[in-house]
Amino acid sequence: MCNDDNTDNRFLKPLGRFPAIEEDEAPYRLLCNEYPPAKD
């Protein structure tokens, strides 16, 4: 028998492409788009 992806893979709830991340501590380093905006 061969694998049929349309009927063989069953999941209880649909999964997205990327899992949700639960942050448990403050960031150690920020990415460039995470810095607060500069003031004039």
N, C-alpha and C. Protein backbone atom coordinates (compact mmCIF):
# COMPACT_ATOMS: atom_id res chain seq x y z
N MET A 1 0.84 -1.19 0.00
CA MET A 1 0.00 0.00 0.00
C MET A 1 0.88 1.24 0.00
N CYS A 2 0.39 2.27 -0.60
CA CYS A 2 1.14 3.52 -0.63
C CYS A 2 0.42 4.57 0.24
N ASN A 3 1.15 5.59 0.58
CA ASN A 3 0.61 6.66 1.40
C ASN A 3 -0.24 7.60 0.54
N ASP A 4 -1.42 7.93 1.03
CA ASP A 4 -2.29 8.88 0.35
C ASP A 4 -2.45 10.08 1.28
N ASP A 5 -1.78 11.19 0.98
CA ASP A 5 -1.80 12.36 1.86
C ASP A 5 -3.18 12.98 2.01
N ASN A 6 -4.07 12.77 1.09
CA ASN A 6 -5.41 13.36 1.18
C ASN A 6 -6.29 12.66 2.21
N THR A 7 -6.05 11.40 2.49
CA THR A 7 -6.91 10.68 3.42
C THR A 7 -6.17 10.11 4.62
N ASP A 8 -4.86 9.95 4.55
CA ASP A 8 -4.12 9.31 5.64
C ASP A 8 -3.76 10.25 6.78
N ASN A 9 -3.55 11.50 6.49
CA ASN A 9 -3.11 12.45 7.52
C ASN A 9 -4.33 13.11 8.16
N ARG A 10 -4.60 12.76 9.41
CA ARG A 10 -5.72 13.32 10.15
C ARG A 10 -5.19 14.04 11.38
N PHE A 11 -5.65 15.25 11.60
CA PHE A 11 -5.24 16.03 12.76
C PHE A 11 -6.49 16.50 13.49
N LEU A 12 -6.41 16.60 14.83
CA LEU A 12 -7.57 17.02 15.61
C LEU A 12 -7.99 18.44 15.31
N LYS A 13 -7.02 19.34 15.21
CA LYS A 13 -7.34 20.72 14.87
C LYS A 13 -6.37 21.18 13.79
N PRO A 14 -6.80 22.06 12.91
CA PRO A 14 -5.92 22.50 11.83
C PRO A 14 -4.70 23.25 12.36
N LEU A 15 -3.58 23.02 11.73
CA LEU A 15 -2.33 23.67 12.12
C LEU A 15 -1.96 24.72 11.08
N GLY A 16 -1.44 25.84 11.54
CA GLY A 16 -0.96 26.87 10.63
C GLY A 16 0.44 26.53 10.16
N ARG A 17 0.97 27.38 9.32
CA ARG A 17 2.32 27.13 8.81
C ARG A 17 3.37 27.30 9.90
N PHE A 18 3.19 28.34 10.75
CA PHE A 18 4.13 28.58 11.84
C PHE A 18 3.40 28.45 13.17
N PRO A 19 3.96 27.78 14.14
CA PRO A 19 3.31 27.64 15.44
C PRO A 19 3.36 28.96 16.21
N ALA A 20 2.42 29.13 17.13
CA ALA A 20 2.44 30.32 17.99
C ALA A 20 3.58 30.19 19.00
N ILE A 21 4.21 31.30 19.32
CA ILE A 21 5.32 31.30 20.26
C ILE A 21 4.85 31.93 21.56
N GLU A 22 5.06 31.24 22.66
CA GLU A 22 4.74 31.77 23.98
C GLU A 22 6.02 32.33 24.58
N GLU A 23 6.09 33.65 24.69
CA GLU A 23 7.27 34.29 25.26
C GLU A 23 7.26 34.11 26.78
N ASP A 24 8.36 33.61 27.34
CA ASP A 24 8.42 33.41 28.77
C ASP A 24 9.46 34.30 29.46
N GLU A 25 10.17 35.12 28.67
CA GLU A 25 11.09 36.08 29.26
C GLU A 25 11.30 37.23 28.28
N ALA A 26 11.82 38.32 28.80
CA ALA A 26 12.04 39.52 27.98
C ALA A 26 13.10 39.23 26.91
N PRO A 27 13.05 39.91 25.76
CA PRO A 27 14.05 39.66 24.71
C PRO A 27 15.44 40.10 25.16
N TYR A 28 16.43 39.31 24.79
CA TYR A 28 17.82 39.62 25.12
C TYR A 28 18.37 40.64 24.14
N ARG A 29 18.06 40.47 22.86
CA ARG A 29 18.46 41.41 21.80
C ARG A 29 17.26 41.63 20.90
N LEU A 30 17.13 42.85 20.39
CA LEU A 30 16.01 43.19 19.52
C LEU A 30 16.42 43.12 18.06
N LEU A 31 15.46 42.82 17.21
CA LEU A 31 15.68 42.90 15.78
C LEU A 31 15.52 44.35 15.34
N CYS A 32 15.98 44.68 14.15
CA CYS A 32 15.96 46.08 13.71
C CYS A 32 14.54 46.64 13.66
N ASN A 33 13.54 45.84 13.35
CA ASN A 33 12.17 46.35 13.28
C ASN A 33 11.46 46.33 14.64
N GLU A 34 12.12 45.91 15.71
CA GLU A 34 11.52 45.86 17.03
C GLU A 34 11.93 47.04 17.93
N TYR A 35 12.87 47.87 17.46
CA TYR A 35 13.26 49.05 18.24
C TYR A 35 12.15 50.09 18.21
N PRO A 36 12.03 50.89 19.27
CA PRO A 36 11.02 51.95 19.25
C PRO A 36 11.38 53.00 18.20
N PRO A 37 10.38 53.71 17.67
CA PRO A 37 10.67 54.71 16.65
C PRO A 37 11.50 55.86 17.22
N ALA A 38 12.37 56.45 16.38
CA ALA A 38 13.22 57.56 16.80
C ALA A 38 12.39 58.82 16.94
N LYS A 39 12.74 59.64 17.92
CA LYS A 39 12.05 60.91 18.12
C LYS A 39 12.79 62.02 17.41
N ASP A 40 12.05 62.98 16.89
CA ASP A 40 12.68 64.12 16.18
C ASP A 40 13.21 65.15 17.13
